[in-house]
Each structure stands twice: as structure tokens, then as C-alpha cells.
Amino acid sequence: MNDDEVPPEITQLLANWSAGEADAAEQLMPAVYAELRRIARQYWQRERNNHTLQPTALVHEAYLRLADQKQTRWQNRAQFFAVASQLMRRILVDHARAHLAEKRGGHAEHIKLEEALIPSAERAANLVALDDALSQLAAVDARKSRVVELRFFGGLTVEETSEAMGLNPATVRRDWTFAKAWLHRALGRGAQSQA
């Protein structure tokens, strides 16, 4: 493969896009598409079987929202994929909330964190309950909430999360452990209040 066939670095394309080069955004999509699909598949594994939003549609919707981020100064690929992961989560949660509002008047039940991983007809409610708990965690500690978002929803490794957030991997591990325990407790309280 000669130099003309090698795609430009994603970080360089992001910098060019931030600088206002329109063709950089067009060149970026093919370079990041496979990774965006991987993130979408991570989310998709946790969705209900009859979900109407397909992984390809999720990737495209997230990319459209990324394209609207005109004021973002992209620093590197890790930041880009972290933002993409966050957007995918928001899209799925919005979709789940709309589904619940349509189907059951919007009453989401609270669940345990482990149940959010189990395939069931109640995945939309589980996703909403987990999102609510994550929002509560963000009010207490935004960094730990962000670690969960990147690790659980985005499927990022400890090292990728560390790079995206500019943290030491040991800090990410500690935040991940704390956040999981906090979410277990918060989701358990929600389930008890429903009983």
C-alpha cells in the first residue's frame, strides 16, 4: 500500500475539521465508521430484541449529531469516540423513553445493574432506570458517571477511558469500582420503592 492509499490519522482529520475544513468531515466518516459500529454493537447487545432503532441507524444518527458539534475543538480520537459514545447513549435513552411513554405511560421501573445486561422485553425500562441512576451519580460525582458511560455504554477499555478522560488508569479502575457499587445501591433502592 502506498502513502496515497493510507487514510490520514483520525486525530489530524479531527483537527482539520475543527479548523473548519469541510472535506475533513467527509474523510473522517470512513475512517471512524468501523469503530462507531463497534460501539453501536456494544449498545445493541443490551437492547430489547424488537428494538426499532437498528445499529446502522444509531451510528448515522450519532454521526449527524457529531457533525452538528461545530464549536467542539476535537483534541484526539479518544475524545471523539467518547463524545460519540455519549451521543449514542442519549439517542437510545431518548428512544427508550419515547417507547415507554407510548407503551405504558412512561412509568419506568427500577432494576439492578445486572438486570440491565439481561435480554428481556423490559430493556427499555431497564435502560431508562439505569440512565436515571447515572444522572443521580453525575450529580454526586460527574467523573465517576462519565467512567461508567464510557466503560459500560461505550465499551471502552480502562486504557481507552483513561486516554479519553485524561486520567491515570488506576483512577479509572477505582472510579469504575466505586460507581458500580453506587449504582447497585441506587438501583436496589429504586426496586425496593417499587415493591
C-alpha atoms as a PDB file:
ATOM      1  CA  MET A   1       0.000   0.000   0.000  1.00  0.00           C
ATOM      2  CA  ASN A   2       1.484   3.361  -0.966  1.00  0.00           C
ATOM      3  CA  ASP A   3       1.182   6.603   1.022  1.00  0.00           C
ATOM      4  CA  ASP A   4      -1.756   7.779  -1.116  1.00  0.00           C
ATOM      5  CA  GLU A   5      -3.824   4.756  -0.014  1.00  0.00           C
ATOM      6  CA  VAL A   6      -3.149   5.162   3.727  1.00  0.00           C
ATOM      7  CA  PRO A   7      -6.000   7.095   5.357  1.00  0.00           C
ATOM      8  CA  PRO A   8      -4.929  10.222   7.257  1.00  0.00           C
ATOM      9  CA  GLU A   9      -4.692   9.967  11.024  1.00  0.00           C
ATOM     10  CA  ILE A  10      -8.041  10.369  12.714  1.00  0.00           C
ATOM     11  CA  THR A  11      -6.591  12.949  15.095  1.00  0.00           C
ATOM     12  CA  GLN A  12      -5.348  15.025  12.155  1.00  0.00           C
ATOM     13  CA  LEU A  13      -8.740  14.814  10.436  1.00  0.00           C
ATOM     14  CA  LEU A  14     -10.398  15.942  13.665  1.00  0.00           C
ATOM     15  CA  ALA A  15      -8.011  18.877  13.932  1.00  0.00           C
ATOM     16  CA  ASN A  16      -8.713  19.800  10.312  1.00  0.00           C
ATOM     17  CA  TRP A  17     -12.460  19.522  10.919  1.00  0.00           C
ATOM     18  CA  SER A  18     -12.150  21.762  13.991  1.00  0.00           C
ATOM     19  CA  ALA A  19     -10.262  24.245  11.838  1.00  0.00           C
ATOM     20  CA  GLY A  20     -13.260  24.435   9.519  1.00  0.00           C
ATOM     21  CA  GLU A  21     -12.104  22.206   6.657  1.00  0.00           C
ATOM     22  CA  ALA A  22     -15.371  20.787   5.302  1.00  0.00           C
ATOM     23  CA  ASP A  23     -13.745  17.921   3.416  1.00  0.00           C
ATOM     24  CA  ALA A  24     -12.142  16.683   6.656  1.00  0.00           C
ATOM     25  CA  ALA A  25     -15.587  15.709   7.985  1.00  0.00           C
ATOM     26  CA  GLU A  26     -16.261  13.774   4.773  1.00  0.00           C
ATOM     27  CA  GLN A  27     -12.918  11.973   5.051  1.00  0.00           C
ATOM     28  CA  LEU A  28     -13.478  11.256   8.734  1.00  0.00           C
ATOM     29  CA  MET A  29     -16.612   9.124   8.389  1.00  0.00           C
ATOM     30  CA  PRO A  30     -14.969   6.231   6.504  1.00  0.00           C
ATOM     31  CA  ALA A  31     -12.010   6.360   8.899  1.00  0.00           C
ATOM     32  CA  VAL A  32     -14.172   6.093  12.049  1.00  0.00           C
ATOM     33  CA  TYR A  33     -17.146   4.104  10.781  1.00  0.00           C
ATOM     34  CA  ALA A  34     -15.912   0.674  11.899  1.00  0.00           C
ATOM     35  CA  GLU A  35     -15.216   1.901  15.424  1.00  0.00           C
ATOM     36  CA  LEU A  36     -18.600   3.641  15.617  1.00  0.00           C
ATOM     37  CA  ARG A  37     -20.239   0.365  14.534  1.00  0.00           C
ATOM     38  CA  ARG A  38     -18.347  -1.474  17.286  1.00  0.00           C
ATOM     39  CA  ILE A  39     -19.638   0.991  19.884  1.00  0.00           C
ATOM     40  CA  ALA A  40     -23.174   0.689  18.461  1.00  0.00           C
ATOM     41  CA  ARG A  41     -22.948  -3.118  18.678  1.00  0.00           C
ATOM     42  CA  GLN A  42     -21.921  -2.781  22.345  1.00  0.00           C
ATOM     43  CA  TYR A  43     -25.092  -0.796  22.971  1.00  0.00           C
ATOM     44  CA  TRP A  44     -27.149  -3.092  20.792  1.00  0.00           C
ATOM     45  CA  GLN A  45     -26.249  -6.180  22.848  1.00  0.00           C
ATOM     46  CA  ARG A  46     -28.101  -4.582  25.759  1.00  0.00           C
ATOM     47  CA  GLU A  47     -31.228  -3.638  23.823  1.00  0.00           C
ATOM     48  CA  ARG A  48     -34.537  -5.457  23.603  1.00  0.00           C
ATOM     49  CA  ASN A  49     -34.971  -7.924  20.740  1.00  0.00           C
ATOM     50  CA  ASN A  50     -37.707  -5.955  18.985  1.00  0.00           C
ATOM     51  CA  HIS A  51     -35.925  -2.593  19.098  1.00  0.00           C
ATOM     52  CA  THR A  52     -36.922  -0.425  16.157  1.00  0.00           C
ATOM     53  CA  LEU A  53     -33.656   1.523  16.009  1.00  0.00           C
ATOM     54  CA  GLN A  54     -31.030  -0.559  14.188  1.00  0.00           C
ATOM     55  CA  PRO A  55     -27.245  -0.272  14.843  1.00  0.00           C
ATOM     56  CA  THR A  56     -26.598   1.349  11.454  1.00  0.00           C
ATOM     57  CA  ALA A  57     -29.283   3.948  12.127  1.00  0.00           C
ATOM     58  CA  LEU A  58     -27.752   4.556  15.561  1.00  0.00           C
ATOM     59  CA  VAL A  59     -24.320   5.162  14.000  1.00  0.00           C
ATOM     60  CA  HIS A  60     -25.764   7.511  11.389  1.00  0.00           C
ATOM     61  CA  GLU A  61     -27.836   9.465  13.926  1.00  0.00           C
ATOM     62  CA  ALA A  62     -24.815   9.804  16.213  1.00  0.00           C
ATOM     63  CA  TYR A  63     -22.639  10.949  13.319  1.00  0.00           C
ATOM     64  CA  LEU A  64     -25.224  13.553  12.300  1.00  0.00           C
ATOM     65  CA  ARG A  65     -25.235  14.882  15.847  1.00  0.00           C
ATOM     66  CA  LEU A  66     -21.433  14.876  15.865  1.00  0.00           C
ATOM     67  CA  ALA A  67     -21.465  16.885  12.657  1.00  0.00           C
ATOM     68  CA  ASP A  68     -23.629  19.476  14.425  1.00  0.00           C
ATOM     69  CA  GLN A  69     -20.920  19.919  17.065  1.00  0.00           C
ATOM     70  CA  LYS A  70     -19.449  22.899  15.253  1.00  0.00           C
ATOM     71  CA  GLN A  71     -17.979  24.525  18.371  1.00  0.00           C
ATOM     72  CA  THR A  72     -16.155  21.403  19.544  1.00  0.00           C
ATOM     73  CA  ARG A  73     -12.387  21.585  19.407  1.00  0.00           C
ATOM     74  CA  TRP A  74     -11.520  17.960  18.788  1.00  0.00           C
ATOM     75  CA  GLN A  75      -8.329  17.041  20.613  1.00  0.00           C
ATOM     76  CA  ASN A  76      -7.881  13.387  19.679  1.00  0.00           C
ATOM     77  CA  ARG A  77      -9.638  10.204  18.611  1.00  0.00           C
ATOM     78  CA  ALA A  78     -10.336   9.162  22.221  1.00  0.00           C
ATOM     79  CA  GLN A  79     -12.275  12.378  22.836  1.00  0.00           C
ATOM     80  CA  PHE A  80     -14.185  11.901  19.576  1.00  0.00           C
ATOM     81  CA  PHE A  81     -15.205   8.327  20.423  1.00  0.00           C
ATOM     82  CA  ALA A  82     -16.093   9.334  23.990  1.00  0.00           C
ATOM     83  CA  VAL A  83     -18.440  12.013  22.659  1.00  0.00           C
ATOM     84  CA  ALA A  84     -19.831   9.565  20.076  1.00  0.00           C
ATOM     85  CA  SER A  85     -20.462   7.033  22.829  1.00  0.00           C
ATOM     86  CA  GLN A  86     -22.259   9.621  24.925  1.00  0.00           C
ATOM     87  CA  LEU A  87     -24.413  10.647  21.953  1.00  0.00           C
ATOM     88  CA  MET A  88     -25.355   7.021  21.244  1.00  0.00           C
ATOM     89  CA  ARG A  89     -26.401   6.587  24.850  1.00  0.00           C
ATOM     90  CA  ARG A  90     -28.562   9.722  24.670  1.00  0.00           C
ATOM     91  CA  ILE A  91     -30.163   8.553  21.424  1.00  0.00           C
ATOM     92  CA  LEU A  92     -31.009   5.140  22.881  1.00  0.00           C
ATOM     93  CA  VAL A  93     -32.293   6.582  26.151  1.00  0.00           C
ATOM     94  CA  ASP A  94     -34.453   9.106  24.288  1.00  0.00           C
ATOM     95  CA  HIS A  95     -35.757   6.281  22.123  1.00  0.00           C
ATOM     96  CA  ALA A  96     -36.448   4.108  25.189  1.00  0.00           C
ATOM     97  CA  ARG A  97     -38.244   6.960  26.975  1.00  0.00           C
ATOM     98  CA  ALA A  98     -40.413   7.554  23.915  1.00  0.00           C
ATOM     99  CA  HIS A  99     -41.147   3.817  23.711  1.00  0.00           C
ATOM    100  CA  LEU A 100     -42.147   3.715  27.382  1.00  0.00           C
ATOM    101  CA  ALA A 101     -44.283   6.818  27.109  1.00  0.00           C
ATOM    102  CA  GLU A 102     -46.048   5.301  24.142  1.00  0.00           C
ATOM    103  CA  LYS A 103     -46.449   1.826  25.600  1.00  0.00           C
ATOM    104  CA  ARG A 104     -47.002   2.301  29.324  1.00  0.00           C
ATOM    105  CA  GLY A 105     -47.495   5.942  30.008  1.00  0.00           C
ATOM    106  CA  GLY A 106     -43.802   6.453  30.746  1.00  0.00           C
ATOM    107  CA  HIS A 107     -43.606   4.625  34.076  1.00  0.00           C
ATOM    108  CA  ALA A 108     -40.117   3.138  34.233  1.00  0.00           C
ATOM    109  CA  GLU A 109     -39.373   0.503  36.817  1.00  0.00           C
ATOM    110  CA  HIS A 110     -36.125   0.424  38.780  1.00  0.00           C
ATOM    111  CA  ILE A 111     -33.811  -2.537  38.335  1.00  0.00           C
ATOM    112  CA  LYS A 112     -30.473  -3.904  39.469  1.00  0.00           C
ATOM    113  CA  LEU A 113     -27.385  -3.171  37.379  1.00  0.00           C
ATOM    114  CA  GLU A 114     -27.001  -6.852  36.446  1.00  0.00           C
ATOM    115  CA  GLU A 115     -30.554  -6.902  35.090  1.00  0.00           C
ATOM    116  CA  ALA A 116     -29.671  -4.115  32.676  1.00  0.00           C
ATOM    117  CA  LEU A 117     -27.412  -6.642  30.964  1.00  0.00           C
ATOM    118  CA  ILE A 118     -30.046  -9.402  30.668  1.00  0.00           C
ATOM    119  CA  PRO A 119     -32.019  -9.605  27.423  1.00  0.00           C
ATOM    120  CA  SER A 120     -35.725  -9.101  28.096  1.00  0.00           C
ATOM    121  CA  ALA A 121     -38.835  -7.326  26.916  1.00  0.00           C
ATOM    122  CA  GLU A 122     -38.244  -4.765  29.660  1.00  0.00           C
ATOM    123  CA  ARG A 123     -34.904  -3.487  28.331  1.00  0.00           C
ATOM    124  CA  ALA A 124     -36.299  -0.052  27.534  1.00  0.00           C
ATOM    125  CA  ALA A 125     -37.415   0.365  31.159  1.00  0.00           C
ATOM    126  CA  ASN A 126     -34.072  -1.008  32.363  1.00  0.00           C
ATOM    127  CA  LEU A 127     -32.140   1.450  30.214  1.00  0.00           C
ATOM    128  CA  VAL A 128     -34.223   4.349  31.494  1.00  0.00           C
ATOM    129  CA  ALA A 129     -33.766   3.237  35.124  1.00  0.00           C
ATOM    130  CA  LEU A 130     -30.019   2.923  34.605  1.00  0.00           C
ATOM    131  CA  ASP A 131     -29.915   6.321  32.902  1.00  0.00           C
ATOM    132  CA  ASP A 132     -31.819   7.871  35.828  1.00  0.00           C
ATOM    133  CA  ALA A 133     -29.377   6.296  38.290  1.00  0.00           C
ATOM    134  CA  LEU A 134     -26.418   7.523  36.211  1.00  0.00           C
ATOM    135  CA  SER A 135     -27.877  11.034  36.250  1.00  0.00           C
ATOM    136  CA  GLN A 136     -28.106  10.825  40.047  1.00  0.00           C
ATOM    137  CA  LEU A 137     -24.488   9.641  40.190  1.00  0.00           C
ATOM    138  CA  ALA A 138     -23.449  12.516  37.925  1.00  0.00           C
ATOM    139  CA  ALA A 139     -24.978  14.945  40.429  1.00  0.00           C
ATOM    140  CA  VAL A 140     -22.798  13.383  43.148  1.00  0.00           C
ATOM    141  CA  ASP A 141     -19.661  12.739  41.076  1.00  0.00           C
ATOM    142  CA  ALA A 142     -19.682  13.579  37.370  1.00  0.00           C
ATOM    143  CA  ARG A 143     -16.319  11.935  36.701  1.00  0.00           C
ATOM    144  CA  LYS A 144     -17.425   8.552  38.013  1.00  0.00           C
ATOM    145  CA  SER A 145     -20.632   8.792  35.991  1.00  0.00           C
ATOM    146  CA  ARG A 146     -18.577   9.513  32.878  1.00  0.00           C
ATOM    147  CA  VAL A 147     -16.364   6.480  33.559  1.00  0.00           C
ATOM    148  CA  VAL A 148     -19.471   4.267  33.659  1.00  0.00           C
ATOM    149  CA  GLU A 149     -20.766   5.836  30.470  1.00  0.00           C
ATOM    150  CA  LEU A 150     -17.544   5.152  28.597  1.00  0.00           C
ATOM    151  CA  ARG A 151     -16.892   1.679  30.036  1.00  0.00           C
ATOM    152  CA  PHE A 152     -20.430   0.256  30.193  1.00  0.00           C
ATOM    153  CA  PHE A 153     -22.165   2.007  27.331  1.00  0.00           C
ATOM    154  CA  GLY A 154     -19.212   2.776  25.094  1.00  0.00           C
ATOM    155  CA  GLY A 155     -17.394  -0.486  25.649  1.00  0.00           C
ATOM    156  CA  LEU A 156     -14.095   1.339  26.134  1.00  0.00           C
ATOM    157  CA  THR A 157     -11.281  -0.407  27.962  1.00  0.00           C
ATOM    158  CA  VAL A 158      -9.736   1.053  31.099  1.00  0.00           C
ATOM    159  CA  GLU A 159      -6.849   2.350  28.980  1.00  0.00           C
ATOM    160  CA  GLU A 160      -9.157   3.932  26.359  1.00  0.00           C
ATOM    161  CA  THR A 161     -11.255   5.522  29.104  1.00  0.00           C
ATOM    162  CA  SER A 162      -8.079   6.775  30.736  1.00  0.00           C
ATOM    163  CA  GLU A 163      -6.970   8.375  27.464  1.00  0.00           C
ATOM    164  CA  ALA A 164     -10.388   9.885  26.736  1.00  0.00           C
ATOM    165  CA  MET A 165     -10.657  11.426  30.183  1.00  0.00           C
ATOM    166  CA  GLY A 166      -7.014  12.307  30.742  1.00  0.00           C
ATOM    167  CA  LEU A 167      -6.834  10.167  33.883  1.00  0.00           C
ATOM    168  CA  ASN A 168      -4.453   7.575  35.222  1.00  0.00           C
ATOM    169  CA  PRO A 169      -5.716   4.004  34.535  1.00  0.00           C
ATOM    170  CA  ALA A 170      -5.633   3.275  38.286  1.00  0.00           C
ATOM    171  CA  THR A 171      -8.009   6.208  38.862  1.00  0.00           C
ATOM    172  CA  VAL A 172     -10.342   4.868  36.183  1.00  0.00           C
ATOM    173  CA  ARG A 173     -10.343   1.438  37.859  1.00  0.00           C
ATOM    174  CA  ARG A 174     -11.119   2.970  41.274  1.00  0.00           C
ATOM    175  CA  ASP A 175     -13.880   5.162  39.807  1.00  0.00           C
ATOM    176  CA  TRP A 176     -15.341   2.155  37.951  1.00  0.00           C
ATOM    177  CA  THR A 177     -15.393   0.043  41.136  1.00  0.00           C
ATOM    178  CA  PHE A 178     -16.969   2.834  43.186  1.00  0.00           C
ATOM    179  CA  ALA A 179     -19.535   3.701  40.507  1.00  0.00           C
ATOM    180  CA  LYS A 180     -20.653   0.083  40.101  1.00  0.00           C
ATOM    181  CA  ALA A 181     -21.213  -0.223  43.849  1.00  0.00           C
ATOM    182  CA  TRP A 182     -23.027   3.122  43.948  1.00  0.00           C
ATOM    183  CA  LEU A 183     -25.274   2.137  41.026  1.00  0.00           C
ATOM    184  CA  HIS A 184     -26.037  -1.262  42.594  1.00  0.00           C
ATOM    185  CA  ARG A 185     -27.218   0.532  45.712  1.00  0.00           C
ATOM    186  CA  ALA A 186     -29.176   3.193  43.809  1.00  0.00           C
ATOM    187  CA  LEU A 187     -30.881   0.659  41.542  1.00  0.00           C
ATOM    188  CA  GLY A 188     -31.633  -1.564  44.540  1.00  0.00           C
ATOM    189  CA  ARG A 189     -33.313   1.340  46.365  1.00  0.00           C
ATOM    190  CA  GLY A 190     -35.436   2.004  43.291  1.00  0.00           C
ATOM    191  CA  ALA A 191     -36.520  -1.638  43.126  1.00  0.00           C
ATOM    192  CA  GLN A 192     -37.400  -1.638  46.846  1.00  0.00           C
ATOM    193  CA  SER A 193     -39.519   1.503  46.495  1.00  0.00           C
ATOM    194  CA  GLN A 194     -41.455  -0.185  43.658  1.00  0.00           C
ATOM    195  CA  ALA A 195     -42.321  -3.197  45.857  1.00  0.00           C
END
